[in-house]
All heavy atoms as atom14 arrays in JSON, in Angstrom:
{
  "sequence": "ISFLMWLTSLWGGFGPSLWGWLAGLVAIAVE",
  "atom14_mask": [
    [1, 1, 1, 1, 1, 1, 1, 1, 0, 0, 0, 0, 0, 0],
    [1, 1, 1, 1, 1, 1, 0, 0, 0, 0, 0, 0, 0, 0],
    [1, 1, 1, 1, 1, 1, 1, 1, 1, 1, 1, 0, 0, 0],
    [1, 1, 1, 1, 1, 1, 1, 1, 0, 0, 0, 0, 0, 0],
    [1, 1, 1, 1, 1, 1, 1, 1, 0, 0, 0, 0, 0, 0],
    [1, 1, 1, 1, 1, 1, 1, 1, 1, 1, 1, 1, 1, 1],
    [1, 1, 1, 1, 1, 1, 1, 1, 0, 0, 0, 0, 0, 0],
    [1, 1, 1, 1, 1, 1, 1, 0, 0, 0, 0, 0, 0, 0],
    [1, 1, 1, 1, 1, 1, 0, 0, 0, 0, 0, 0, 0, 0],
    [1, 1, 1, 1, 1, 1, 1, 1, 0, 0, 0, 0, 0, 0],
    [1, 1, 1, 1, 1, 1, 1, 1, 1, 1, 1, 1, 1, 1],
    [1, 1, 1, 1, 0, 0, 0, 0, 0, 0, 0, 0, 0, 0],
    [1, 1, 1, 1, 0, 0, 0, 0, 0, 0, 0, 0, 0, 0],
    [1, 1, 1, 1, 1, 1, 1, 1, 1, 1, 1, 0, 0, 0],
    [1, 1, 1, 1, 0, 0, 0, 0, 0, 0, 0, 0, 0, 0],
    [1, 1, 1, 1, 1, 1, 1, 0, 0, 0, 0, 0, 0, 0],
    [1, 1, 1, 1, 1, 1, 0, 0, 0, 0, 0, 0, 0, 0],
    [1, 1, 1, 1, 1, 1, 1, 1, 0, 0, 0, 0, 0, 0],
    [1, 1, 1, 1, 1, 1, 1, 1, 1, 1, 1, 1, 1, 1],
    [1, 1, 1, 1, 0, 0, 0, 0, 0, 0, 0, 0, 0, 0],
    [1, 1, 1, 1, 1, 1, 1, 1, 1, 1, 1, 1, 1, 1],
    [1, 1, 1, 1, 1, 1, 1, 1, 0, 0, 0, 0, 0, 0],
    [1, 1, 1, 1, 1, 0, 0, 0, 0, 0, 0, 0, 0, 0],
    [1, 1, 1, 1, 0, 0, 0, 0, 0, 0, 0, 0, 0, 0],
    [1, 1, 1, 1, 1, 1, 1, 1, 0, 0, 0, 0, 0, 0],
    [1, 1, 1, 1, 1, 1, 1, 0, 0, 0, 0, 0, 0, 0],
    [1, 1, 1, 1, 1, 0, 0, 0, 0, 0, 0, 0, 0, 0],
    [1, 1, 1, 1, 1, 1, 1, 1, 0, 0, 0, 0, 0, 0],
    [1, 1, 1, 1, 1, 0, 0, 0, 0, 0, 0, 0, 0, 0],
    [1, 1, 1, 1, 1, 1, 1, 0, 0, 0, 0, 0, 0, 0],
    [1, 1, 1, 1, 1, 1, 1, 1, 1, 0, 0, 0, 0, 0]
  ],
  "atom14_positions": [
    [[79.49, -31.23, -96.18], [80.4, -30.9, -95.07], [81.65, -30.19, -95.59], [82.12, -29.2, -95.02], [80.77, -32.18, -94.3], [79.53, -32.73, -93.58], [81.89, -31.91, -93.3], [79.77, -34.05, -92.88], [0.0, 0.0, 0.0], [0.0, 0.0, 0.0], [0.0, 0.0, 0.0], [0.0, 0.0, 0.0], [0.0, 0.0, 0.0], [0.0, 0.0, 0.0]],
    [[82.2, -30.7, -96.71], [83.39, -30.05, -97.28], [83.06, -28.64, -97.78], [83.88, -27.73, -97.68], [83.94, -30.9, -98.42], [83.0, -31.0, -99.47], [0.0, 0.0, 0.0], [0.0, 0.0, 0.0], [0.0, 0.0, 0.0], [0.0, 0.0, 0.0], [0.0, 0.0, 0.0], [0.0, 0.0, 0.0], [0.0, 0.0, 0.0], [0.0, 0.0, 0.0]],
    [[81.85, -28.45, -98.29], [81.45, -27.11, -98.75], [81.36, -26.14, -97.57], [81.78, -24.97, -97.67], [80.12, -27.2, -99.48], [79.58, -25.89, -99.96], [80.21, -25.2, -100.99], [78.46, -25.33, -99.38], [79.71, -23.97, -101.43], [77.96, -24.11, -99.81], [78.59, -23.44, -100.84], [0.0, 0.0, 0.0], [0.0, 0.0, 0.0], [0.0, 0.0, 0.0]],
    [[80.8, -26.61, -96.45], [80.73, -25.75, -95.26], [82.13, -25.42, -94.75], [82.39, -24.28, -94.32], [79.92, -26.45, -94.17], [78.41, -26.59, -94.39], [77.77, -27.3, -93.2], [77.76, -25.23, -94.59], [0.0, 0.0, 0.0], [0.0, 0.0, 0.0], [0.0, 0.0, 0.0], [0.0, 0.0, 0.0], [0.0, 0.0, 0.0], [0.0, 0.0, 0.0]],
    [[83.04, -26.4, -94.77], [84.42, -26.14, -94.36], [85.07, -25.1, -95.26], [85.79, -24.2, -94.8], [85.23, -27.45, -94.38], [84.79, -28.46, -93.33], [85.51, -30.1, -93.6], [87.25, -29.72, -93.5], [0.0, 0.0, 0.0], [0.0, 0.0, 0.0], [0.0, 0.0, 0.0], [0.0, 0.0, 0.0], [0.0, 0.0, 0.0], [0.0, 0.0, 0.0]],
    [[84.83, -25.19, -96.57], [85.42, -24.24, -97.52], [84.87, -22.84, -97.3], [85.62, -21.86, -97.32], [85.14, -24.72, -98.94], [85.66, -23.8, -100.0], [86.95, -23.63, -100.39], [84.88, -22.91, -100.81], [87.04, -22.69, -101.39], [85.77, -22.23, -101.67], [83.52, -22.63, -100.9], [85.34, -21.3, -102.6], [83.1, -21.7, -101.83], [84.0, -21.04, -102.65]],
    [[83.54, -22.73, -97.07], [82.96, -21.42, -96.81], [83.54, -20.81, -95.53], [83.81, -19.6, -95.47], [81.44, -21.54, -96.68], [80.64, -21.72, -97.97], [79.16, -21.83, -97.65], [80.88, -20.57, -98.94], [0.0, 0.0, 0.0], [0.0, 0.0, 0.0], [0.0, 0.0, 0.0], [0.0, 0.0, 0.0], [0.0, 0.0, 0.0], [0.0, 0.0, 0.0]],
    [[83.73, -21.62, -94.52], [84.31, -21.11, -93.27], [85.74, -20.64, -93.47], [86.16, -19.62, -92.9], [84.26, -22.21, -92.2], [82.91, -22.69, -92.07], [84.73, -21.67, -90.86], [0.0, 0.0, 0.0], [0.0, 0.0, 0.0], [0.0, 0.0, 0.0], [0.0, 0.0, 0.0], [0.0, 0.0, 0.0], [0.0, 0.0, 0.0], [0.0, 0.0, 0.0]],
    [[86.5, -21.35, -94.3], [87.91, -21.0, -94.51], [88.09, -19.73, -95.33], [89.18, -19.15, -95.35], [88.65, -22.15, -95.19], [88.17, -22.34, -96.51], [0.0, 0.0, 0.0], [0.0, 0.0, 0.0], [0.0, 0.0, 0.0], [0.0, 0.0, 0.0], [0.0, 0.0, 0.0], [0.0, 0.0, 0.0], [0.0, 0.0, 0.0], [0.0, 0.0, 0.0]],
    [[87.06, -19.27, -96.05], [87.19, -18.07, -96.87], [87.42, -16.82, -96.03], [87.8, -15.77, -96.56], [85.93, -17.89, -97.73], [85.74, -18.91, -98.85], [84.47, -18.61, -99.62], [86.94, -18.92, -99.8], [0.0, 0.0, 0.0], [0.0, 0.0, 0.0], [0.0, 0.0, 0.0], [0.0, 0.0, 0.0], [0.0, 0.0, 0.0], [0.0, 0.0, 0.0]],
    [[87.19, -16.91, -94.72], [87.46, -15.77, -93.86], [88.94, -15.38, -93.89], [89.29, -14.22, -93.71], [87.04, -16.12, -92.44], [87.23, -15.01, -91.46], [88.26, -14.84, -90.6], [86.36, -13.91, -91.26], [88.1, -13.71, -89.86], [86.92, -13.1, -90.25], [85.14, -13.51, -91.83], [86.33, -11.94, -89.8], [84.54, -12.35, -91.38], [85.13, -11.58, -90.38]],
    [[89.79, -16.37, -94.15], [91.21, -16.07, -94.23], [91.73, -15.91, -95.65], [92.95, -15.86, -95.84], [0.0, 0.0, 0.0], [0.0, 0.0, 0.0], [0.0, 0.0, 0.0], [0.0, 0.0, 0.0], [0.0, 0.0, 0.0], [0.0, 0.0, 0.0], [0.0, 0.0, 0.0], [0.0, 0.0, 0.0], [0.0, 0.0, 0.0], [0.0, 0.0, 0.0]],
    [[90.84, -15.84, -96.64], [91.25, -15.69, -98.02], [91.49, -17.03, -98.7], [91.11, -18.09, -98.18], [0.0, 0.0, 0.0], [0.0, 0.0, 0.0], [0.0, 0.0, 0.0], [0.0, 0.0, 0.0], [0.0, 0.0, 0.0], [0.0, 0.0, 0.0], [0.0, 0.0, 0.0], [0.0, 0.0, 0.0], [0.0, 0.0, 0.0], [0.0, 0.0, 0.0]],
    [[92.13, -16.99, -99.86], [92.43, -18.19, -100.63], [93.89, -18.56, -100.41], [94.77, -17.73, -100.59], [92.17, -17.97, -102.12], [90.72, -17.79, -102.45], [90.15, -16.53, -102.51], [89.91, -18.9, -102.67], [88.81, -16.37, -102.8], [88.57, -18.74, -102.96], [88.02, -17.47, -103.03], [0.0, 0.0, 0.0], [0.0, 0.0, 0.0], [0.0, 0.0, 0.0]],
    [[94.13, -19.81, -100.03], [95.49, -20.26, -99.81], [95.52, -21.56, -99.04], [95.95, -21.57, -97.89], [0.0, 0.0, 0.0], [0.0, 0.0, 0.0], [0.0, 0.0, 0.0], [0.0, 0.0, 0.0], [0.0, 0.0, 0.0], [0.0, 0.0, 0.0], [0.0, 0.0, 0.0], [0.0, 0.0, 0.0], [0.0, 0.0, 0.0], [0.0, 0.0, 0.0]],
    [[95.03, -22.67, -99.61], [95.03, -23.94, -98.89], [96.44, -24.42, -98.61], [97.33, -24.29, -99.45], [94.28, -24.88, -99.83], [94.44, -24.28, -101.18], [94.48, -22.82, -100.99], [0.0, 0.0, 0.0], [0.0, 0.0, 0.0], [0.0, 0.0, 0.0], [0.0, 0.0, 0.0], [0.0, 0.0, 0.0], [0.0, 0.0, 0.0], [0.0, 0.0, 0.0]],
    [[96.61, -25.0, -97.42], [97.93, -25.5, -97.04], [98.1, -26.95, -97.47], [97.13, -27.68, -97.68], [98.1, -25.39, -95.52], [97.2, -26.26, -94.85], [0.0, 0.0, 0.0], [0.0, 0.0, 0.0], [0.0, 0.0, 0.0], [0.0, 0.0, 0.0], [0.0, 0.0, 0.0], [0.0, 0.0, 0.0], [0.0, 0.0, 0.0], [0.0, 0.0, 0.0]],
    [[99.37, -27.36, -97.58], [99.66, -28.73, -98.0], [99.2, -29.74, -96.96], [98.65, -30.8, -97.31], [101.17, -28.87, -98.23], [101.67, -30.28, -98.58], [101.04, -30.76, -99.88], [103.19, -30.3, -98.67], [0.0, 0.0, 0.0], [0.0, 0.0, 0.0], [0.0, 0.0, 0.0], [0.0, 0.0, 0.0], [0.0, 0.0, 0.0], [0.0, 0.0, 0.0]],
    [[99.4, -29.43, -95.68], [98.98, -30.35, -94.65], [97.46, -30.5, -94.62], [96.94, -31.59, -94.32], [99.48, -29.88, -93.28], [100.95, -30.0, -93.12], [101.87, -28.98, -93.1], [101.7, -31.21, -92.99], [103.13, -29.47, -92.95], [103.07, -30.85, -92.87], [101.37, -32.56, -92.96], [104.08, -31.79, -92.73], [102.37, -33.5, -92.81], [103.7, -33.12, -92.7]],
    [[96.75, -29.45, -94.94], [95.3, -29.55, -95.04], [94.88, -30.46, -96.17], [93.95, -31.28, -96.04], [0.0, 0.0, 0.0], [0.0, 0.0, 0.0], [0.0, 0.0, 0.0], [0.0, 0.0, 0.0], [0.0, 0.0, 0.0], [0.0, 0.0, 0.0], [0.0, 0.0, 0.0], [0.0, 0.0, 0.0], [0.0, 0.0, 0.0], [0.0, 0.0, 0.0]],
    [[95.56, -30.31, -97.33], [95.28, -31.2, -98.47], [95.46, -32.66, -98.05], [94.61, -33.52, -98.31], [96.2, -30.87, -99.63], [95.68, -29.81, -100.56], [95.89, -28.48, -100.48], [94.85, -30.02, -101.71], [95.27, -27.82, -101.5], [94.62, -28.75, -102.28], [94.29, -31.13, -102.3], [93.84, -28.57, -103.41], [93.52, -30.97, -103.44], [93.28, -29.7, -103.98]],
    [[96.6, -32.96, -97.43], [96.89, -34.34, -97.06], [95.88, -34.87, -96.04], [95.44, -36.03, -96.12], [98.31, -34.43, -96.48], [99.45, -34.1, -97.47], [100.79, -34.14, -96.75], [99.44, -35.07, -98.64], [0.0, 0.0, 0.0], [0.0, 0.0, 0.0], [0.0, 0.0, 0.0], [0.0, 0.0, 0.0], [0.0, 0.0, 0.0], [0.0, 0.0, 0.0]],
    [[95.51, -34.03, -95.07], [94.52, -34.46, -94.08], [93.18, -34.75, -94.72], [92.5, -35.73, -94.37], [94.38, -33.39, -92.99], [0.0, 0.0, 0.0], [0.0, 0.0, 0.0], [0.0, 0.0, 0.0], [0.0, 0.0, 0.0], [0.0, 0.0, 0.0], [0.0, 0.0, 0.0], [0.0, 0.0, 0.0], [0.0, 0.0, 0.0], [0.0, 0.0, 0.0]],
    [[92.76, -33.92, -95.68], [91.49, -34.17, -96.35], [91.52, -35.42, -97.21], [90.51, -36.13, -97.32], [0.0, 0.0, 0.0], [0.0, 0.0, 0.0], [0.0, 0.0, 0.0], [0.0, 0.0, 0.0], [0.0, 0.0, 0.0], [0.0, 0.0, 0.0], [0.0, 0.0, 0.0], [0.0, 0.0, 0.0], [0.0, 0.0, 0.0], [0.0, 0.0, 0.0]],
    [[92.69, -35.71, -97.83], [92.78, -36.89, -98.69], [92.7, -38.2, -97.9], [92.18, -39.2, -98.41], [94.08, -36.85, -99.49], [94.17, -35.75, -100.58], [95.55, -35.74, -101.2], [93.1, -35.97, -101.65], [0.0, 0.0, 0.0], [0.0, 0.0, 0.0], [0.0, 0.0, 0.0], [0.0, 0.0, 0.0], [0.0, 0.0, 0.0], [0.0, 0.0, 0.0]],
    [[93.22, -38.2, -96.66], [93.21, -39.44, -95.88], [92.1, -39.46, -94.83], [92.01, -40.41, -94.04], [94.58, -39.64, -95.17], [95.69, -39.7, -96.18], [94.83, -38.54, -94.14], [0.0, 0.0, 0.0], [0.0, 0.0, 0.0], [0.0, 0.0, 0.0], [0.0, 0.0, 0.0], [0.0, 0.0, 0.0], [0.0, 0.0, 0.0], [0.0, 0.0, 0.0]],
    [[91.24, -38.43, -94.81], [90.23, -38.34, -93.75], [89.28, -39.52, -93.79], [89.0, -40.15, -92.76], [89.47, -37.02, -93.88], [0.0, 0.0, 0.0], [0.0, 0.0, 0.0], [0.0, 0.0, 0.0], [0.0, 0.0, 0.0], [0.0, 0.0, 0.0], [0.0, 0.0, 0.0], [0.0, 0.0, 0.0], [0.0, 0.0, 0.0], [0.0, 0.0, 0.0]],
    [[88.75, -39.86, -94.97], [87.78, -40.96, -95.07], [88.44, -42.29, -94.75], [87.86, -43.15, -94.06], [87.14, -40.97, -96.46], [86.37, -39.67, -96.68], [86.22, -42.16, -96.62], [85.76, -39.55, -98.06], [0.0, 0.0, 0.0], [0.0, 0.0, 0.0], [0.0, 0.0, 0.0], [0.0, 0.0, 0.0], [0.0, 0.0, 0.0], [0.0, 0.0, 0.0]],
    [[89.67, -42.5, -95.25], [90.37, -43.76, -94.98], [90.64, -43.97, -93.5], [90.68, -45.1, -93.02], [91.67, -43.8, -95.78], [0.0, 0.0, 0.0], [0.0, 0.0, 0.0], [0.0, 0.0, 0.0], [0.0, 0.0, 0.0], [0.0, 0.0, 0.0], [0.0, 0.0, 0.0], [0.0, 0.0, 0.0], [0.0, 0.0, 0.0], [0.0, 0.0, 0.0]],
    [[90.83, -42.89, -92.75], [91.07, -43.0, -91.31], [89.75, -43.09, -90.55], [89.63, -43.82, -89.55], [91.89, -41.79, -90.82], [92.01, -41.79, -89.3], [93.28, -41.8, -91.46], [0.0, 0.0, 0.0], [0.0, 0.0, 0.0], [0.0, 0.0, 0.0], [0.0, 0.0, 0.0], [0.0, 0.0, 0.0], [0.0, 0.0, 0.0], [0.0, 0.0, 0.0]],
    [[88.73, -42.4, -91.04], [87.47, -42.34, -90.31], [86.69, -43.65, -90.39], [86.03, -44.04, -89.42], [86.63, -41.18, -90.87], [85.34, -40.92, -90.11], [84.16, -41.73, -90.63], [84.24, -42.21, -91.79], [83.19, -41.9, -89.88], [0.0, 0.0, 0.0], [0.0, 0.0, 0.0], [0.0, 0.0, 0.0], [0.0, 0.0, 0.0], [0.0, 0.0, 0.0]]
  ]
}
């Protein structure tokens, strides 16, 4: 799932945001 999300995000180039990092780090703990 994370690989599919990364492939989809490549449409906008390389540049992950800080809020995205934080959301991904706590996603499993919240889910």
